[in-house]
Every structure is written in structure tokens, then in C-alpha cells.
Amino acid sequence: MLSGEFMEELTQSIRNQRRPKGYISSLDINLVHPRTPWVIAWWAAAFPGFGHLLLGMYLKGFILIVWEIFTNVNSNLNLAILYSFTGQFDLAINTLNKKWLLLYAPVYIASIWDSYRLTVDLNKYSILADREKSPIIPFKISPIAMNFFDKRNPWITTAWSALIPGLGQICTNRCFIGFFLLTWWIAIAYFSNLLEAIHFTSVGAFSQAVSVANPGWMIFLPSIYGLAVFDAYVGAVEYNKLFETEQARFLKDNYQSSEFVMPA
């Protein structure tokens, strides 16, 4: 027959594994925290996959982002958007590849819907994890790397991502999303001829800057840049909250007397 103490430890172990507040590996940190569903849905509408990245569902987000870029380029959607904004509607219609566009639309809508649904569910999960006071492991070390919680200045991480997208995420030890954003930023900047356009603009050769820019790829840049800056700030703020929560629990469990009465 199982003792009461053993059953208590078993119940606590199951509870801890069921609803963890955060996960830390030697290369990455992932955490659950409340989010506004409409904000996540907006980012998914701006770029399919971004909503899932903000939720920490990296594999889903990576696949959807690759799908978005692949189908967008093949359907010439960005060029059609550019022509529509400049009033060239006939050219926009003729530019679109209808076969690829019809494949693009269902995934785009599903990405928005799934991001909103997951946000609502994860918000409930976050509340339950806070109530159950799920333990947080503050340090992880392996043969190739180490990772630990520490305080970060959100504005500094934001500044790094404003300089080059992805660097802010790397500064908060969220390497998966950081290197993913950095890689795609470099690839899209290369295919869009962004640096050449910036060079010609800086020397006043505006006609050359316009001619060298590839608008089909360049339209991707504002979304990725905006997400990197936004996520760097929010990620650092929530990262600091998780650090403070873990530290407070440790001090309470190890140094606060059980007979101490908290002031009202």
C-alpha cells in the first residue's frame, strides 16, 4: 500500500509535468504567458506563421513562413499588391498566378484562425500554471552550451533587433527564433537587393536605387523587421517576469519561515 507522503510527491510530480510555466534548454527558452488573441491574429494576418512564432510554436511557425514565402513568390502576390497600391489594377490582375494564389488563400486563413484559437487556449493554460505554481528550472548546461535566467533590459534587446532582426532574440537566449529571423532577414535582403538600394539612396542616386530594388522580395522586409522588434521587447519583458517568479519562489521555499504572517 502506498504511503500518503509518496502519493503527495507523485501527485506533485504529475502536476509539475502537466502544466509547466516555462522550458529551458541549453540553446533556447520557451515560456507560456498571457497574450491578446487579436494581436496574435493580426501578426498572423501580416505574415502567416508569425502568430505561431509569438506563441512559441516554432516548428509550425517555421513551416508556415517557408510556405508563405514560397507561394507568395510563385504567385507574384507582392508584385500584385504593389501594382494595386499604385492604381495599376489591370497589371496587378495580369501579374497574379491564379494557380498558386488559390493554394495560398486557404493556408493564410487557417493560419489566422489557428493563431487566435491557440492564444485563447494557452491563456487558460497560463492561468492554471500560475495557480499551480509549476516549478521553473533556472539553469541548463550541456557539452555544447549553457543557458540560464537573468535580467535583461527590454530596450537594449529591442535596439539590437532594430539594428539586425534576430539579434534581440539571441540576447535573451531564444536562439531558435533568433537565428531563424536572422537567416531569413539576410536571405530576403539579398534577394531584394536592399543593401544596394540603400547605398544608391545614400549617395543620391535615387533612380538607380529604384531600378536595382526587387519589390517582390522587398515587401517581405517590413513584416519581418516589425515582428523582430516587437518580439524582442515582449520576449525580454516576459523573460524578466519568469526570472522574478522563479527567484521569488526559491526565496520563499528556502528562506521564508512557514510561521511568518504576510502583512495585509
C-alpha atoms as a PDB file:
ATOM      1  CA  MET A   1       0.000   0.000   0.000  1.00  0.00           C
ATOM      2  CA  LEU A   2       1.341   3.413  -0.973  1.00  0.00           C
ATOM      3  CA  SER A   3       2.106   5.865   1.838  1.00  0.00           C
ATOM      4  CA  GLY A   4       0.462   9.274   1.990  1.00  0.00           C
ATOM      5  CA  GLU A   5       3.802  11.045   1.604  1.00  0.00           C
ATOM      6  CA  PHE A   6       4.639   9.083  -1.537  1.00  0.00           C
ATOM      7  CA  MET A   7       1.216   9.824  -3.048  1.00  0.00           C
ATOM      8  CA  GLU A   8       1.712  13.509  -2.295  1.00  0.00           C
ATOM      9  CA  GLU A   9       5.072  13.527  -4.103  1.00  0.00           C
ATOM     10  CA  LEU A  10       3.609  11.582  -7.040  1.00  0.00           C
ATOM     11  CA  THR A  11       0.685  13.987  -7.365  1.00  0.00           C
ATOM     12  CA  GLN A  12       3.033  16.980  -7.252  1.00  0.00           C
ATOM     13  CA  SER A  13       5.302  15.410  -9.896  1.00  0.00           C
ATOM     14  CA  ILE A  14       2.385  14.772 -12.255  1.00  0.00           C
ATOM     15  CA  ARG A  15       1.117  18.319 -11.736  1.00  0.00           C
ATOM     16  CA  ASN A  16       4.546  19.787 -12.475  1.00  0.00           C
ATOM     17  CA  GLN A  17       4.869  17.824 -15.707  1.00  0.00           C
ATOM     18  CA  ARG A  18       1.310  18.605 -16.783  1.00  0.00           C
ATOM     19  CA  ARG A  19       1.420  22.383 -16.815  1.00  0.00           C
ATOM     20  CA  PRO A  20       4.965  23.770 -16.877  1.00  0.00           C
ATOM     21  CA  LYS A  21       5.270  27.548 -16.937  1.00  0.00           C
ATOM     22  CA  GLY A  22       8.437  27.588 -18.998  1.00  0.00           C
ATOM     23  CA  TYR A  23      11.055  25.359 -20.580  1.00  0.00           C
ATOM     24  CA  ILE A  24      14.777  25.977 -20.732  1.00  0.00           C
ATOM     25  CA  SER A  25      17.271  24.001 -22.776  1.00  0.00           C
ATOM     26  CA  SER A  26      20.952  24.666 -23.367  1.00  0.00           C
ATOM     27  CA  LEU A  27      20.094  26.574 -26.570  1.00  0.00           C
ATOM     28  CA  ASP A  28      16.639  28.029 -26.103  1.00  0.00           C
ATOM     29  CA  ILE A  29      13.970  29.289 -23.706  1.00  0.00           C
ATOM     30  CA  ASN A  30      10.246  28.867 -24.276  1.00  0.00           C
ATOM     31  CA  LEU A  31       7.526  30.056 -21.937  1.00  0.00           C
ATOM     32  CA  VAL A  32       3.782  30.392 -21.566  1.00  0.00           C
ATOM     33  CA  HIS A  33       2.323  33.791 -20.701  1.00  0.00           C
ATOM     34  CA  PRO A  34      -0.958  35.675 -21.332  1.00  0.00           C
ATOM     35  CA  ARG A  35      -1.327  37.279 -24.740  1.00  0.00           C
ATOM     36  CA  THR A  36      -4.032  39.283 -26.526  1.00  0.00           C
ATOM     37  CA  PRO A  37      -5.638  36.944 -29.110  1.00  0.00           C
ATOM     38  CA  TRP A  38      -6.377  39.726 -31.586  1.00  0.00           C
ATOM     39  CA  VAL A  39      -2.754  40.900 -31.532  1.00  0.00           C
ATOM     40  CA  ILE A  40      -1.524  37.396 -32.339  1.00  0.00           C
ATOM     41  CA  ALA A  41      -4.170  37.058 -35.074  1.00  0.00           C
ATOM     42  CA  TRP A  42      -3.066  40.413 -36.530  1.00  0.00           C
ATOM     43  CA  TRP A  43       0.532  39.230 -36.778  1.00  0.00           C
ATOM     44  CA  ALA A  44      -0.642  36.013 -38.439  1.00  0.00           C
ATOM     45  CA  ALA A  45      -2.539  38.151 -40.948  1.00  0.00           C
ATOM     46  CA  ALA A  46       0.545  40.297 -41.556  1.00  0.00           C
ATOM     47  CA  PHE A  47       2.622  37.200 -42.290  1.00  0.00           C
ATOM     48  CA  PRO A  48       1.415  33.582 -41.899  1.00  0.00           C
ATOM     49  CA  GLY A  49       3.494  31.840 -39.240  1.00  0.00           C
ATOM     50  CA  PHE A  50       4.278  34.956 -37.209  1.00  0.00           C
ATOM     51  CA  GLY A  51       1.395  34.303 -34.823  1.00  0.00           C
ATOM     52  CA  HIS A  52       2.740  30.825 -34.088  1.00  0.00           C
ATOM     53  CA  LEU A  53       6.266  32.159 -33.554  1.00  0.00           C
ATOM     54  CA  LEU A  54       4.964  34.609 -30.950  1.00  0.00           C
ATOM     55  CA  LEU A  55       3.205  31.720 -29.203  1.00  0.00           C
ATOM     56  CA  GLY A  56       6.458  29.740 -29.037  1.00  0.00           C
ATOM     57  CA  MET A  57       5.251  27.133 -31.554  1.00  0.00           C
ATOM     58  CA  TYR A  58       8.388  27.367 -33.633  1.00  0.00           C
ATOM     59  CA  LEU A  59       8.032  24.324 -35.885  1.00  0.00           C
ATOM     60  CA  LYS A  60       4.543  25.329 -37.019  1.00  0.00           C
ATOM     61  CA  GLY A  61       5.675  28.901 -37.486  1.00  0.00           C
ATOM     62  CA  PHE A  62       8.797  27.966 -39.465  1.00  0.00           C
ATOM     63  CA  ILE A  63       6.803  25.736 -41.843  1.00  0.00           C
ATOM     64  CA  LEU A  64       4.116  28.385 -42.399  1.00  0.00           C
ATOM     65  CA  ILE A  65       6.707  31.114 -43.045  1.00  0.00           C
ATOM     66  CA  VAL A  66       8.535  28.986 -45.619  1.00  0.00           C
ATOM     67  CA  TRP A  67       5.167  28.176 -47.226  1.00  0.00           C
ATOM     68  CA  GLU A  68       4.209  31.868 -47.282  1.00  0.00           C
ATOM     69  CA  ILE A  69       7.415  32.956 -48.970  1.00  0.00           C
ATOM     70  CA  PHE A  70       7.392  30.063 -51.464  1.00  0.00           C
ATOM     71  CA  THR A  71       3.765  30.523 -52.561  1.00  0.00           C
ATOM     72  CA  ASN A  72       3.934  34.312 -52.458  1.00  0.00           C
ATOM     73  CA  VAL A  73       6.924  34.415 -54.792  1.00  0.00           C
ATOM     74  CA  ASN A  74       5.392  31.877 -57.193  1.00  0.00           C
ATOM     75  CA  SER A  75       2.025  33.634 -57.250  1.00  0.00           C
ATOM     76  CA  ASN A  76       3.609  37.108 -57.680  1.00  0.00           C
ATOM     77  CA  LEU A  77       1.336  38.304 -54.895  1.00  0.00           C
ATOM     78  CA  ASN A  78       3.659  41.041 -53.628  1.00  0.00           C
ATOM     79  CA  LEU A  79       4.007  42.495 -57.116  1.00  0.00           C
ATOM     80  CA  ALA A  80       0.228  42.469 -57.498  1.00  0.00           C
ATOM     81  CA  ILE A  81      -0.093  44.280 -54.148  1.00  0.00           C
ATOM     82  CA  LEU A  82       2.431  46.903 -55.299  1.00  0.00           C
ATOM     83  CA  TYR A  83       0.601  47.478 -58.581  1.00  0.00           C
ATOM     84  CA  SER A  84      -2.736  47.726 -56.734  1.00  0.00           C
ATOM     85  CA  PHE A  85      -1.359  50.377 -54.358  1.00  0.00           C
ATOM     86  CA  THR A  86      -0.158  52.411 -57.338  1.00  0.00           C
ATOM     87  CA  GLY A  87      -3.508  52.144 -59.146  1.00  0.00           C
ATOM     88  CA  GLN A  88      -2.333  49.744 -61.874  1.00  0.00           C
ATOM     89  CA  PHE A  89      -5.168  47.261 -61.373  1.00  0.00           C
ATOM     90  CA  ASP A  90      -5.043  45.648 -64.825  1.00  0.00           C
ATOM     91  CA  LEU A  91      -1.330  44.996 -64.415  1.00  0.00           C
ATOM     92  CA  ALA A  92      -1.954  43.568 -60.944  1.00  0.00           C
ATOM     93  CA  ILE A  93      -4.547  41.110 -62.307  1.00  0.00           C
ATOM     94  CA  ASN A  94      -2.317  40.021 -65.176  1.00  0.00           C
ATOM     95  CA  THR A  95       0.678  39.577 -62.877  1.00  0.00           C
ATOM     96  CA  LEU A  96      -1.031  37.143 -60.489  1.00  0.00           C
ATOM     97  CA  ASN A  97      -0.541  33.413 -60.952  1.00  0.00           C
ATOM     98  CA  LYS A  98      -4.039  32.134 -60.166  1.00  0.00           C
ATOM     99  CA  LYS A  99      -2.997  28.520 -59.537  1.00  0.00           C
ATOM    100  CA  TRP A 100      -0.594  29.448 -56.762  1.00  0.00           C
ATOM    101  CA  LEU A 101      -2.902  32.123 -55.367  1.00  0.00           C
ATOM    102  CA  LEU A 102      -5.716  29.608 -54.824  1.00  0.00           C
ATOM    103  CA  LEU A 103      -3.300  27.410 -52.882  1.00  0.00           C
ATOM    104  CA  TYR A 104      -2.160  30.386 -50.834  1.00  0.00           C
ATOM    105  CA  ALA A 105      -5.561  31.621 -49.618  1.00  0.00           C
ATOM    106  CA  PRO A 106      -6.753  28.613 -47.514  1.00  0.00           C
ATOM    107  CA  VAL A 107      -3.442  28.324 -45.623  1.00  0.00           C
ATOM    108  CA  TYR A 108      -3.452  32.079 -44.993  1.00  0.00           C
ATOM    109  CA  ILE A 109      -6.943  31.981 -43.453  1.00  0.00           C
ATOM    110  CA  ALA A 110      -6.201  28.820 -41.451  1.00  0.00           C
ATOM    111  CA  SER A 111      -3.050  30.416 -40.024  1.00  0.00           C
ATOM    112  CA  ILE A 112      -5.029  33.370 -38.661  1.00  0.00           C
ATOM    113  CA  TRP A 113      -7.765  31.167 -37.210  1.00  0.00           C
ATOM    114  CA  ASP A 114      -5.329  28.732 -35.611  1.00  0.00           C
ATOM    115  CA  SER A 115      -3.265  31.532 -34.062  1.00  0.00           C
ATOM    116  CA  TYR A 116      -6.338  33.064 -32.439  1.00  0.00           C
ATOM    117  CA  ARG A 117      -7.613  29.687 -31.182  1.00  0.00           C
ATOM    118  CA  LEU A 118      -4.257  28.680 -29.732  1.00  0.00           C
ATOM    119  CA  THR A 119      -3.850  32.017 -27.969  1.00  0.00           C
ATOM    120  CA  VAL A 120      -7.181  31.615 -26.187  1.00  0.00           C
ATOM    121  CA  ASP A 121      -6.273  28.077 -25.081  1.00  0.00           C
ATOM    122  CA  LEU A 122      -2.738  28.982 -23.987  1.00  0.00           C
ATOM    123  CA  ASN A 123      -4.033  31.915 -21.937  1.00  0.00           C
ATOM    124  CA  LYS A 124      -6.146  29.460 -19.936  1.00  0.00           C
ATOM    125  CA  TYR A 125      -3.130  27.184 -19.616  1.00  0.00           C
ATOM    126  CA  SER A 126      -1.003  30.068 -18.358  1.00  0.00           C
ATOM    127  CA  ILE A 127      -3.518  30.935 -15.644  1.00  0.00           C
ATOM    128  CA  LEU A 128      -3.624  27.315 -14.448  1.00  0.00           C
ATOM    129  CA  ALA A 129       0.174  27.083 -14.447  1.00  0.00           C
ATOM    130  CA  ASP A 130       0.390  30.215 -12.278  1.00  0.00           C
ATOM    131  CA  ARG A 131      -2.207  28.894  -9.827  1.00  0.00           C
ATOM    132  CA  GLU A 132      -0.429  25.552  -9.510  1.00  0.00           C
ATOM    133  CA  LYS A 133       2.951  27.283  -9.120  1.00  0.00           C
ATOM    134  CA  SER A 134       4.668  24.955 -11.563  1.00  0.00           C
ATOM    135  CA  PRO A 135       8.431  24.799 -10.923  1.00  0.00           C
ATOM    136  CA  ILE A 136      10.858  26.579 -13.213  1.00  0.00           C
ATOM    137  CA  ILE A 137      14.374  25.272 -13.840  1.00  0.00           C
ATOM    138  CA  PRO A 138      16.638  28.377 -13.971  1.00  0.00           C
ATOM    139  CA  PHE A 139      19.836  26.817 -15.336  1.00  0.00           C
ATOM    140  CA  LYS A 140      20.666  24.294 -18.056  1.00  0.00           C
ATOM    141  CA  ILE A 141      24.111  23.129 -19.142  1.00  0.00           C
ATOM    142  CA  SER A 142      25.216  20.664 -21.807  1.00  0.00           C
ATOM    143  CA  PRO A 143      28.515  19.746 -23.521  1.00  0.00           C
ATOM    144  CA  ILE A 144      27.933  22.353 -26.249  1.00  0.00           C
ATOM    145  CA  ALA A 145      26.233  25.264 -24.487  1.00  0.00           C
ATOM    146  CA  MET A 146      24.695  26.637 -21.321  1.00  0.00           C
ATOM    147  CA  ASN A 147      21.603  28.692 -20.670  1.00  0.00           C
ATOM    148  CA  PHE A 148      20.232  30.453 -17.599  1.00  0.00           C
ATOM    149  CA  PHE A 149      17.742  33.069 -16.482  1.00  0.00           C
ATOM    150  CA  ASP A 150      18.985  36.592 -15.925  1.00  0.00           C
ATOM    151  CA  LYS A 151      17.596  40.116 -16.090  1.00  0.00           C
ATOM    152  CA  ARG A 152      17.592  41.796 -19.497  1.00  0.00           C
ATOM    153  CA  ASN A 153      16.898  45.407 -20.454  1.00  0.00           C
ATOM    154  CA  PRO A 154      13.974  45.228 -22.928  1.00  0.00           C
ATOM    155  CA  TRP A 155      15.036  48.410 -24.719  1.00  0.00           C
ATOM    156  CA  ILE A 156      18.538  47.070 -25.339  1.00  0.00           C
ATOM    157  CA  THR A 157      17.217  43.830 -26.834  1.00  0.00           C
ATOM    158  CA  THR A 158      14.809  45.892 -28.934  1.00  0.00           C
ATOM    159  CA  ALA A 159      17.670  48.077 -30.160  1.00  0.00           C
ATOM    160  CA  TRP A 160      19.657  45.011 -31.242  1.00  0.00           C
ATOM    161  CA  SER A 161      16.715  43.648 -33.223  1.00  0.00           C
ATOM    162  CA  ALA A 162      16.159  47.106 -34.706  1.00  0.00           C
ATOM    163  CA  LEU A 163      19.768  47.004 -35.908  1.00  0.00           C
ATOM    164  CA  ILE A 164      19.528  43.495 -37.357  1.00  0.00           C
ATOM    165  CA  PRO A 165      16.388  41.366 -36.828  1.00  0.00           C
ATOM    166  CA  GLY A 166      17.043  38.306 -34.678  1.00  0.00           C
ATOM    167  CA  LEU A 167      19.849  39.708 -32.533  1.00  0.00           C
ATOM    168  CA  GLY A 168      17.475  40.768 -29.754  1.00  0.00           C
ATOM    169  CA  GLN A 169      16.089  37.236 -29.504  1.00  0.00           C
ATOM    170  CA  ILE A 170      19.610  35.803 -29.365  1.00  0.00           C
ATOM    171  CA  CYS A 171      20.432  38.216 -26.498  1.00  0.00           C
ATOM    172  CA  THR A 172      17.578  36.677 -24.469  1.00  0.00           C
ATOM    173  CA  ASN A 173      18.847  33.155 -25.226  1.00  0.00           C
ATOM    174  CA  ARG A 174      15.954  32.364 -27.576  1.00  0.00           C
ATOM    175  CA  CYS A 175      18.246  31.020 -30.229  1.00  0.00           C
ATOM    176  CA  PHE A 176      15.788  29.098 -32.425  1.00  0.00           C
ATOM    177  CA  ILE A 177      13.637  32.098 -33.326  1.00  0.00           C
ATOM    178  CA  GLY A 178      16.646  34.446 -33.261  1.00  0.00           C
ATOM    179  CA  PHE A 179      18.723  32.576 -35.813  1.00  0.00           C
ATOM    180  CA  PHE A 180      15.633  31.838 -37.913  1.00  0.00           C
ATOM    181  CA  LEU A 181      14.750  35.529 -38.189  1.00  0.00           C
ATOM    182  CA  LEU A 182      18.382  36.470 -38.792  1.00  0.00           C
ATOM    183  CA  THR A 183      18.745  33.893 -41.579  1.00  0.00           C
ATOM    184  CA  TRP A 184      15.560  34.949 -43.353  1.00  0.00           C
ATOM    185  CA  TRP A 185      16.399  38.641 -42.985  1.00  0.00           C
ATOM    186  CA  ILE A 186      19.769  38.091 -44.671  1.00  0.00           C
ATOM    187  CA  ALA A 187      18.216  35.954 -47.436  1.00  0.00           C
ATOM    188  CA  ILE A 188      15.395  38.393 -48.186  1.00  0.00           C
ATOM    189  CA  ALA A 189      17.729  41.401 -48.006  1.00  0.00           C
ATOM    190  CA  TYR A 190      19.959  39.643 -50.547  1.00  0.00           C
ATOM    191  CA  PHE A 191      17.199  38.749 -52.999  1.00  0.00           C
ATOM    192  CA  SER A 192      15.566  42.175 -52.679  1.00  0.00           C
ATOM    193  CA  ASN A 193      18.906  43.975 -53.274  1.00  0.00           C
ATOM    194  CA  LEU A 194      18.210  46.006 -50.135  1.00  0.00           C
ATOM    195  CA  LEU A 195      21.804  46.960 -49.404  1.00  0.00           C
ATOM    196  CA  GLU A 196      22.445  48.110 -52.968  1.00  0.00           C
ATOM    197  CA  ALA A 197      19.287  50.232 -52.854  1.00  0.00           C
ATOM    198  CA  ILE A 198      20.381  51.757 -49.525  1.00  0.00           C
ATOM    199  CA  HIS A 199      23.823  52.513 -50.985  1.00  0.00           C
ATOM    200  CA  PHE A 200      22.447  54.272 -54.071  1.00  0.00           C
ATOM    201  CA  THR A 201      19.936  56.186 -51.912  1.00  0.00           C
ATOM    202  CA  SER A 202      22.685  57.375 -49.558  1.00  0.00           C
ATOM    203  CA  VAL A 203      24.678  58.830 -52.468  1.00  0.00           C
ATOM    204  CA  GLY A 204      21.614  60.461 -54.024  1.00  0.00           C
ATOM    205  CA  ALA A 205      21.282  58.072 -56.993  1.00  0.00           C
ATOM    206  CA  PHE A 206      17.547  57.558 -56.467  1.00  0.00           C
ATOM    207  CA  SER A 207      16.785  56.319 -59.988  1.00  0.00           C
ATOM    208  CA  GLN A 208      19.428  53.610 -59.642  1.00  0.00           C
ATOM    209  CA  ALA A 209      18.064  52.675 -56.219  1.00  0.00           C
ATOM    210  CA  VAL A 210      14.588  52.198 -57.696  1.00  0.00           C
ATOM    211  CA  SER A 211      15.873  50.194 -60.650  1.00  0.00           C
ATOM    212  CA  VAL A 212      18.016  47.839 -58.546  1.00  0.00           C
ATOM    213  CA  ALA A 213      15.345  47.117 -55.895  1.00  0.00           C
ATOM    214  CA  ASN A 214      13.304  43.928 -56.273  1.00  0.00           C
ATOM    215  CA  PRO A 215       9.844  44.860 -54.954  1.00  0.00           C
ATOM    216  CA  GLY A 216       8.594  41.271 -54.948  1.00  0.00           C
ATOM    217  CA  TRP A 217      11.089  40.451 -52.207  1.00  0.00           C
ATOM    218  CA  MET A 218      11.357  43.867 -50.587  1.00  0.00           C
ATOM    219  CA  ILE A 219       7.715  43.883 -49.468  1.00  0.00           C
ATOM    220  CA  PHE A 220       8.576  40.997 -47.119  1.00  0.00           C
ATOM    221  CA  LEU A 221      11.021  43.160 -45.165  1.00  0.00           C
ATOM    222  CA  PRO A 222       8.676  45.450 -43.144  1.00  0.00           C
ATOM    223  CA  SER A 223       6.758  42.485 -41.687  1.00  0.00           C
ATOM    224  CA  ILE A 224       9.878  40.583 -40.614  1.00  0.00           C
ATOM    225  CA  TYR A 225      11.518  43.734 -39.263  1.00  0.00           C
ATOM    226  CA  GLY A 226       8.406  44.721 -37.298  1.00  0.00           C
ATOM    227  CA  LEU A 227       7.959  41.258 -35.815  1.00  0.00           C
ATOM    228  CA  ALA A 228      11.615  41.036 -34.752  1.00  0.00           C
ATOM    229  CA  VAL A 229      11.447  44.377 -32.928  1.00  0.00           C
ATOM    230  CA  PHE A 230       8.066  43.655 -31.327  1.00  0.00           C
ATOM    231  CA  ASP A 231       9.011  40.140 -30.203  1.00  0.00           C
ATOM    232  CA  ALA A 232      12.396  41.273 -28.864  1.00  0.00           C
ATOM    233  CA  TYR A 233      10.709  43.733 -26.495  1.00  0.00           C
ATOM    234  CA  VAL A 234       7.817  41.497 -25.408  1.00  0.00           C
ATOM    235  CA  GLY A 235      10.121  38.480 -25.087  1.00  0.00           C
ATOM    236  CA  ALA A 236      12.520  40.368 -22.812  1.00  0.00           C
ATOM    237  CA  VAL A 237       9.689  41.650 -20.601  1.00  0.00           C
ATOM    238  CA  GLU A 238       8.185  38.177 -20.163  1.00  0.00           C
ATOM    239  CA  TYR A 239      11.651  36.686 -19.726  1.00  0.00           C
ATOM    240  CA  ASN A 240      12.261  39.079 -16.804  1.00  0.00           C
ATOM    241  CA  LYS A 241       8.897  38.187 -15.254  1.00  0.00           C
ATOM    242  CA  LEU A 242       9.747  34.489 -15.390  1.00  0.00           C
ATOM    243  CA  PHE A 243      13.123  35.165 -13.794  1.00  0.00           C
ATOM    244  CA  GLU A 244      11.486  37.146 -10.968  1.00  0.00           C
ATOM    245  CA  THR A 245       8.836  34.464 -10.444  1.00  0.00           C
ATOM    246  CA  GLU A 246      11.433  31.699 -10.145  1.00  0.00           C
ATOM    247  CA  GLN A 247      13.587  33.759  -7.785  1.00  0.00           C
ATOM    248  CA  ALA A 248      10.622  34.681  -5.569  1.00  0.00           C
ATOM    249  CA  ARG A 249       9.534  31.062  -5.282  1.00  0.00           C
ATOM    250  CA  PHE A 250      13.048  29.928  -4.427  1.00  0.00           C
ATOM    251  CA  LEU A 251      13.442  32.534  -1.671  1.00  0.00           C
ATOM    252  CA  LYS A 252      10.024  31.739  -0.239  1.00  0.00           C
ATOM    253  CA  ASP A 253      10.600  27.976  -0.217  1.00  0.00           C
ATOM    254  CA  ASN A 254      14.084  28.129   1.281  1.00  0.00           C
ATOM    255  CA  TYR A 255      14.288  31.234   3.456  1.00  0.00           C
ATOM    256  CA  GLN A 256      10.802  32.322   4.482  1.00  0.00           C
ATOM    257  CA  SER A 257       9.547  30.838   7.713  1.00  0.00           C
ATOM    258  CA  SER A 258       6.258  28.965   7.439  1.00  0.00           C
ATOM    259  CA  GLU A 259       5.098  30.829  10.554  1.00  0.00           C
ATOM    260  CA  PHE A 260       5.702  34.268   9.029  1.00  0.00           C
ATOM    261  CA  VAL A 261       2.446  36.174   8.600  1.00  0.00           C
ATOM    262  CA  MET A 262       2.366  38.285   5.446  1.00  0.00           C
ATOM    263  CA  PRO A 263       1.218  41.878   6.066  1.00  0.00           C
ATOM    264  CA  ALA A 264      -2.248  42.699   4.792  1.00  0.00           C
END
